[in-house]
Protein backbone atom coordinates (compact mmCIF):
# COMPACT_ATOMS: atom_id res chain seq x y z
CA MET A 1 -16.64 -9.92 15.13
CA PHE A 2 -13.18 -10.21 13.52
CA ARG A 3 -14.74 -10.35 10.08
CA ASP A 4 -16.46 -7.03 10.68
CA MET A 5 -13.25 -5.51 12.05
CA PHE A 6 -11.29 -6.64 8.99
CA LEU A 7 -13.89 -5.24 6.63
CA ASP A 8 -13.90 -1.92 8.56
CA VAL A 9 -10.12 -1.71 8.20
CA MET A 10 -10.32 -2.38 4.47
CA ASP A 11 -13.00 0.30 4.10
CA GLY A 12 -10.77 2.73 6.02
CA ILE A 13 -7.77 1.98 3.85
CA PHE A 14 -9.67 2.71 0.66
CA ALA A 15 -11.43 5.77 2.11
CA PHE A 16 -8.53 7.53 3.85
CA ALA A 17 -5.09 6.03 3.36
CA LEU A 18 -4.74 4.83 -0.22
CA VAL A 19 -2.89 7.03 -2.70
CA PHE A 20 -2.25 6.11 -6.33
CA VAL A 21 0.86 8.05 -7.28
CA GLY A 22 0.93 6.85 -10.88
CA ASP A 23 2.75 4.29 -13.02
CA GLY A 24 1.63 1.48 -10.69
CA VAL A 25 3.06 3.18 -7.61
CA THR A 26 0.61 2.85 -4.74
CA ILE A 27 1.30 4.05 -1.23
CA LEU A 28 -0.65 4.08 2.00
CA GLN A 29 -0.51 7.43 3.73
CA GLU A 30 0.39 7.65 7.37
CA ILE A 31 -2.55 8.88 9.43
CA ALA A 32 -1.84 9.66 13.07
CA GLY A 33 -4.68 10.81 15.28
CA ASN A 34 -6.46 13.89 13.98
CA SER A 35 -3.51 15.13 11.94
CA GLN A 36 -3.47 15.49 8.19
CA PRO A 37 -2.39 12.40 6.24
CA ARG A 38 1.28 12.33 5.27
CA LYS A 39 2.47 10.74 2.04
CA LYS A 40 5.00 8.42 3.58
CA MET A 41 4.86 4.67 3.88
CA ASP A 42 6.34 2.48 6.61
CA HIS A 43 8.07 -0.68 5.42
CA PHE A 44 5.62 -2.79 7.45
CA THR A 45 3.01 -1.80 4.88
CA CYS A 46 4.71 -4.30 2.59
CA TYR A 47 3.15 -7.12 4.66
CA LEU A 48 -0.36 -5.84 3.96
CA PRO A 49 -0.80 -7.46 0.51
CA GLY A 50 -0.46 -10.89 2.13
CA VAL A 51 -3.04 -10.02 4.78
CA VAL A 52 -5.41 -8.70 2.13
CA THR A 53 -4.98 -11.85 0.06
CA LEU A 54 -5.80 -14.02 3.08
CA GLY A 55 -8.97 -11.97 3.60
CA LEU A 56 -10.23 -12.27 0.02
CA GLU A 57 -12.81 -14.88 0.97
CA LEU A 58 -14.58 -12.20 3.03
CA ALA A 59 -15.01 -9.92 0.03
CA SER A 60 -17.70 -9.82 -2.61
CA PHE A 61 -16.76 -10.71 -6.18
CA GLU A 62 -16.30 -7.06 -7.15
CA GLU A 63 -14.31 -6.29 -3.99
CA ARG A 64 -12.01 -9.23 -4.68
CA LYS A 65 -10.91 -7.72 -7.98
CA ILE A 66 -10.27 -4.35 -6.32
CA TRP A 67 -8.48 -5.83 -3.32
CA MET A 68 -6.30 -8.06 -5.50
CA SER A 69 -5.32 -5.13 -7.71
CA PHE A 70 -4.51 -3.12 -4.57
CA ALA A 71 -2.37 -5.98 -3.20
CA GLU A 72 -0.50 -6.33 -6.50
CA ASN A 73 0.19 -2.58 -6.72
CA VAL A 74 1.44 -2.30 -3.13
CA THR A 75 3.66 -5.36 -3.67
CA SER A 76 5.07 -3.77 -6.82
CA THR A 77 5.70 -0.51 -4.98
CA CYS A 78 7.49 -2.29 -2.15
CA PHE A 79 9.63 -4.25 -4.61
CA GLY A 80 10.46 -1.02 -6.41
CA MET A 81 11.58 0.62 -3.18
CA TYR A 82 14.31 -2.03 -2.98
CA ARG A 83 15.01 -2.27 -6.69
CA TRP A 84 15.58 1.41 -7.32
CA SER A 85 17.35 2.43 -4.14
CA PRO A 86 21.04 3.16 -4.75
CA CYS A 87 22.27 0.42 -2.39
CA GLY A 88 19.54 -2.15 -3.16
CA LEU A 89 18.09 -1.89 0.33
CA ALA A 90 14.88 -0.07 1.14
CA GLY A 91 14.67 2.10 4.21
CA THR A 92 12.19 1.62 7.00
CA LEU A 93 10.23 4.63 5.83
CA GLY A 94 9.40 5.66 2.28
CA LYS A 95 8.78 9.39 2.34
CA HIS A 96 9.42 10.25 -1.27
CA VAL A 97 8.47 7.02 -3.02
CA GLN A 98 7.20 8.77 -6.13
CA VAL A 99 10.50 10.67 -6.51
CA LEU A 100 12.46 7.43 -6.32
CA PHE A 101 10.32 5.79 -9.00
CA SER A 102 10.32 8.80 -11.31
CA ARG A 103 14.10 8.65 -11.66
CA PHE A 104 14.21 5.18 -13.16
CA PRO A 105 12.46 3.40 -16.01
CA SER A 106 10.07 0.50 -15.36
């Protein structure tokens, strides 16, 4: 039961919420009810790579590569939100993540 629920969530993330902004920046769009997705990412999303990594044993070999790449990119994006913010602290909501990253070199 929980296995199927986890796999459904992962399918939903890749189908509806995942956005590759470019240069390794990966965000998960906010989707609330029947509204249009919004390109903003809550800081709690930064816990997702750990959850995905724990669920790797449920994935096929091909899915594992995709999921691991996803986890690495989200982790990098979260780190960058702290690294490139003027005060060194990331906010609770990243609304313009791609703007923040575009201002600074890798």
